[in-house]
Amino acid sequence: MSQFHHNENHKILVMTAVEAEAEAVLRGMGGDGRFEVALAGVGPVQAAISTTRLLAAGSGRYSLVVSAGIAGGYAGRAEIGSLVVSSEIAAADLGAETPEGFSSLDELGFGSAVVPVDRALAERVAGMLAAAGLPVTLGPALTLATVTGSAATASMLAARFPGAASEGMEGFGAAAAAADFGLPALELRAISNAVGPRDKSLWRIGDALKALEAAFAAITQSWRD
């Protein structure tokens, strides 16, 4: 994959699923011109389409694609209100069910369901957040087209992806588009709920949006070209 090299002539493209996430990111950035924020839409396919469209129109304009927003967190790895920086970005449900269990796209021999992340970059961003006093985990960010809604599925995914930290719906789509243009990708998520049984009374979307805002405030203040 491409290693990350940023200079003042390029922008970092931040893709969020919905407007509320974009607004939180923009509040945190405070008008920093090194970043550009755009809407990806919901789900991996729409995220891939939206990101591809922007990258094609702005050929050579960007140095990095970041999929950002709120997400579910895996118990024991990423608690509500904390942040997750991706160590890899995986399409967790892309594959086939077999009598022996789930087989990923990689195991089927049809490509890869994982976009690798520049480890040094991921550690650098996680370090910026930690230095700002924000709780952060570095781990696999899972993308699913169907949000997990049961303890059984959450347990299965956690076993399939050791160290899984977050679950969203757009990361792999945006990251796959970036990879197609030879650009590195990163996913940054603020945790609003636990992955598992859906109980909206326990969701803390407002707190997660505040954490997302704080994350981008810390990144823009700490980032050096």
Protein backbone atom coordinates (compact mmCIF):
# COMPACT_ATOMS: atom_id res chain seq x y z
CA MET A 1 0.00 0.00 0.00
CA SER A 2 1.03 3.64 -0.34
CA GLN A 3 2.88 5.09 2.61
CA PHE A 4 1.49 8.34 3.98
CA HIS A 5 3.30 11.50 2.95
CA HIS A 6 1.46 14.77 3.41
CA ASN A 7 2.49 18.22 2.22
CA GLU A 8 0.87 21.62 2.11
CA ASN A 9 -0.22 21.13 -1.51
CA HIS A 10 -2.53 18.25 -0.61
CA LYS A 11 -5.60 17.95 1.56
CA ILE A 12 -6.76 15.22 3.91
CA LEU A 13 -10.24 14.10 2.83
CA VAL A 14 -12.56 13.28 5.71
CA MET A 15 -15.69 11.31 4.80
CA THR A 16 -18.64 11.10 7.21
CA ALA A 17 -21.90 9.25 6.70
CA VAL A 18 -24.30 11.98 7.81
CA GLU A 19 -24.45 15.73 8.35
CA ALA A 20 -24.35 15.59 12.17
CA GLU A 21 -20.99 13.83 12.02
CA ALA A 22 -19.65 16.29 9.45
CA GLU A 23 -20.71 19.21 11.64
CA ALA A 24 -18.93 17.72 14.67
CA VAL A 25 -15.75 17.23 12.64
CA LEU A 26 -15.91 20.78 11.28
CA ARG A 27 -16.44 22.24 14.75
CA GLY A 28 -13.36 20.43 15.95
CA MET A 29 -11.25 21.55 12.99
CA GLY A 30 -12.11 25.21 13.45
CA GLY A 31 -11.65 26.02 9.77
CA ASP A 32 -8.30 24.27 9.27
CA GLY A 33 -7.72 24.41 5.51
CA ARG A 34 -5.55 21.29 5.42
CA PHE A 35 -8.70 19.17 5.70
CA GLU A 36 -11.76 18.77 3.49
CA VAL A 37 -14.96 17.23 4.85
CA ALA A 38 -17.57 15.55 2.64
CA LEU A 39 -20.61 13.30 3.03
CA ALA A 40 -20.16 9.65 2.13
CA GLY A 41 -23.75 8.55 2.66
CA VAL A 42 -24.75 5.47 4.63
CA GLY A 43 -23.33 2.03 3.92
CA PRO A 44 -20.16 0.71 2.27
CA VAL A 45 -21.41 0.93 -1.32
CA GLN A 46 -22.54 4.55 -1.09
CA ALA A 47 -19.34 5.45 0.75
CA ALA A 48 -17.25 3.89 -2.01
CA ILE A 49 -19.21 5.72 -4.71
CA SER A 50 -19.03 9.10 -2.98
CA THR A 51 -15.32 8.78 -2.17
CA THR A 52 -14.46 7.61 -5.68
CA ARG A 53 -16.35 10.52 -7.20
CA LEU A 54 -14.40 13.04 -5.10
CA LEU A 55 -11.03 11.41 -5.69
CA ALA A 56 -11.62 11.24 -9.44
CA ALA A 57 -12.65 14.89 -9.61
CA GLY A 58 -9.72 16.03 -7.48
CA SER A 59 -6.96 13.88 -8.95
CA GLY A 60 -3.71 14.59 -7.14
CA ARG A 61 -5.43 16.86 -4.63
CA TYR A 62 -5.48 14.52 -1.63
CA SER A 63 -2.87 12.70 0.42
CA LEU A 64 -5.08 10.68 2.78
CA VAL A 65 -8.70 9.55 3.14
CA VAL A 66 -10.20 9.34 6.64
CA SER A 67 -13.56 7.66 7.29
CA ALA A 68 -14.88 9.32 10.43
CA GLY A 69 -18.02 9.26 12.53
CA ILE A 70 -19.73 7.56 15.41
CA ALA A 71 -19.92 3.79 15.74
CA GLY A 72 -20.53 0.81 17.95
CA GLY A 73 -17.72 -0.36 20.20
CA TYR A 74 -16.78 -3.90 21.20
CA ALA A 75 -17.08 -4.53 24.93
CA GLY A 76 -13.75 -4.63 26.70
CA ARG A 77 -12.04 -2.88 23.81
CA ALA A 78 -13.80 0.44 23.19
CA GLU A 79 -16.27 1.85 25.67
CA ILE A 80 -18.96 4.44 25.03
CA GLY A 81 -17.50 7.92 24.69
CA SER A 82 -14.06 6.66 23.70
CA LEU A 83 -12.31 6.80 20.33
CA VAL A 84 -11.03 4.12 17.97
CA VAL A 85 -8.24 4.53 15.42
CA SER A 86 -8.12 1.70 12.90
CA SER A 87 -5.19 -0.69 12.73
CA GLU A 88 -6.93 -2.24 9.72
CA ILE A 89 -10.28 -1.73 8.00
CA ALA A 90 -12.24 -4.91 7.30
CA ALA A 91 -15.46 -5.72 5.48
CA ALA A 92 -16.54 -8.14 8.19
CA ASP A 93 -19.53 -9.66 6.38
CA LEU A 94 -18.02 -9.91 2.89
CA GLY A 95 -17.72 -13.61 2.13
CA ALA A 96 -19.79 -16.78 2.25
CA GLU A 97 -21.44 -19.05 4.77
CA THR A 98 -20.22 -22.64 4.50
CA PRO A 99 -20.95 -25.85 6.43
CA GLU A 100 -17.68 -25.22 8.27
CA GLY A 101 -18.58 -21.61 9.08
CA PHE A 102 -17.91 -18.23 7.53
CA SER A 103 -15.30 -17.90 4.77
CA SER A 104 -13.96 -14.45 4.00
CA LEU A 105 -13.35 -13.10 0.53
CA ASP A 106 -9.65 -13.74 1.10
CA GLU A 107 -10.27 -17.39 1.97
CA LEU A 108 -12.51 -17.80 -1.08
CA GLY A 109 -9.75 -16.49 -3.32
CA PHE A 110 -11.76 -13.60 -4.75
CA GLY A 111 -9.73 -10.68 -3.45
CA SER A 112 -9.40 -9.16 -0.02
CA ALA A 113 -11.93 -7.94 2.53
CA VAL A 114 -9.27 -6.01 4.44
CA VAL A 115 -7.66 -2.68 3.64
CA PRO A 116 -4.39 -2.40 5.55
CA VAL A 117 -3.53 0.79 7.41
CA ASP A 118 -0.15 2.49 7.65
CA ARG A 119 0.79 1.45 11.18
CA ALA A 120 3.02 4.44 11.83
CA LEU A 121 0.24 6.80 10.76
CA ALA A 122 -2.35 5.05 12.94
CA GLU A 123 -0.04 5.15 15.94
CA ARG A 124 0.74 8.81 15.28
CA VAL A 125 -2.95 9.77 15.25
CA ALA A 126 -3.71 7.65 18.31
CA GLY A 127 -0.81 9.34 20.06
CA MET A 128 -2.22 12.79 19.27
CA LEU A 129 -5.53 11.82 20.85
CA ALA A 130 -3.93 10.25 23.90
CA ALA A 131 -1.73 13.32 24.39
CA ALA A 132 -4.90 15.42 24.48
CA GLY A 133 -6.23 13.25 27.30
CA LEU A 134 -8.80 11.47 25.14
CA PRO A 135 -9.48 7.74 25.68
CA VAL A 136 -8.39 5.94 22.52
CA THR A 137 -7.97 2.37 21.29
CA LEU A 138 -5.95 1.23 18.28
CA GLY A 139 -7.58 -1.82 16.70
CA PRO A 140 -9.44 -3.34 13.75
CA ALA A 141 -12.38 -1.24 12.51
CA LEU A 142 -15.11 -3.49 11.11
CA THR A 143 -17.50 -2.47 8.35
CA LEU A 144 -20.85 -4.22 7.99
CA ALA A 145 -23.76 -3.57 5.64
CA THR A 146 -26.07 -4.94 8.36
CA VAL A 147 -25.52 -3.50 11.83
CA THR A 148 -25.00 -6.14 14.51
CA GLY A 149 -28.06 -6.55 16.72
CA SER A 150 -27.41 -9.60 18.87
CA ALA A 151 -24.90 -10.77 21.44
CA ALA A 152 -24.29 -13.94 19.41
CA THR A 153 -23.25 -12.01 16.31
CA ALA A 154 -21.11 -9.63 18.33
CA SER A 155 -19.33 -12.58 19.93
CA MET A 156 -18.82 -14.27 16.56
CA LEU A 157 -17.34 -11.15 14.99
CA ALA A 158 -15.06 -10.53 17.96
CA ALA A 159 -13.74 -14.08 17.60
CA ARG A 160 -13.29 -13.74 13.83
CA PHE A 161 -11.42 -10.45 14.18
CA PRO A 162 -9.22 -10.61 17.30
CA GLY A 163 -8.99 -7.22 18.93
CA ALA A 164 -11.95 -5.80 16.98
CA ALA A 165 -12.64 -2.35 18.38
CA SER A 166 -15.37 -0.61 16.36
CA GLU A 167 -18.20 -1.39 13.98
CA GLY A 168 -19.46 1.04 11.34
CA MET A 169 -21.04 0.93 7.90
CA GLU A 170 -18.78 3.07 5.69
CA GLY A 171 -15.09 2.56 6.48
CA PHE A 172 -14.28 -0.24 4.05
CA GLY A 173 -16.05 1.51 1.17
CA ALA A 174 -14.10 4.74 1.63
CA ALA A 175 -10.84 2.86 2.24
CA ALA A 176 -11.28 0.65 -0.85
CA ALA A 177 -11.81 3.75 -2.97
CA ALA A 178 -8.68 5.33 -1.52
CA ALA A 179 -6.64 2.19 -2.21
CA ASP A 180 -7.84 2.18 -5.82
CA PHE A 181 -6.33 5.65 -6.20
CA GLY A 182 -3.11 4.62 -4.48
CA LEU A 183 -3.90 6.62 -1.35
CA PRO A 184 -3.66 5.52 2.29
CA ALA A 185 -6.80 5.38 4.41
CA LEU A 186 -7.62 5.58 8.09
CA GLU A 187 -10.81 5.17 10.10
CA LEU A 188 -11.55 7.22 13.21
CA ARG A 189 -14.67 6.45 15.24
CA ALA A 190 -16.26 7.83 18.38
CA ILE A 191 -18.21 5.18 20.27
CA SER A 192 -21.91 5.83 20.87
CA ASN A 193 -23.08 2.35 21.86
CA ALA A 194 -21.94 -1.18 22.53
CA VAL A 195 -21.98 -3.67 19.65
CA GLY A 196 -24.69 -6.23 20.37
CA PRO A 197 -28.39 -6.15 21.24
CA ARG A 198 -29.98 -2.94 19.99
CA ASP A 199 -31.23 -0.86 22.91
CA LYS A 200 -31.49 2.77 21.84
CA SER A 201 -32.13 3.87 25.41
CA LEU A 202 -28.46 3.11 26.11
CA TRP A 203 -27.07 4.96 23.10
CA ARG A 204 -25.14 8.17 23.79
CA ILE A 205 -24.99 9.77 20.37
CA GLY A 206 -24.53 13.28 21.77
CA ASP A 207 -21.53 12.21 23.83
CA ALA A 208 -20.03 10.42 20.84
CA LEU A 209 -20.40 13.51 18.64
CA LYS A 210 -18.68 15.59 21.32
CA ALA A 211 -15.85 13.03 21.42
CA LEU A 212 -15.58 13.19 17.61
CA GLU A 213 -15.35 16.98 17.79
CA ALA A 214 -12.68 16.77 20.48
CA ALA A 215 -10.72 14.24 18.42
CA PHE A 216 -10.49 16.51 15.39
CA ALA A 217 -9.66 19.50 17.57
CA ALA A 218 -6.73 17.52 18.97
CA ILE A 219 -5.63 16.30 15.54
CA THR A 220 -5.70 19.73 13.88
CA GLN A 221 -3.80 21.28 16.78
CA SER A 222 -1.16 18.54 16.83
CA TRP A 223 -0.76 17.75 13.12
CA ARG A 224 2.45 18.74 11.41
CA ASP A 225 3.04 18.34 7.69
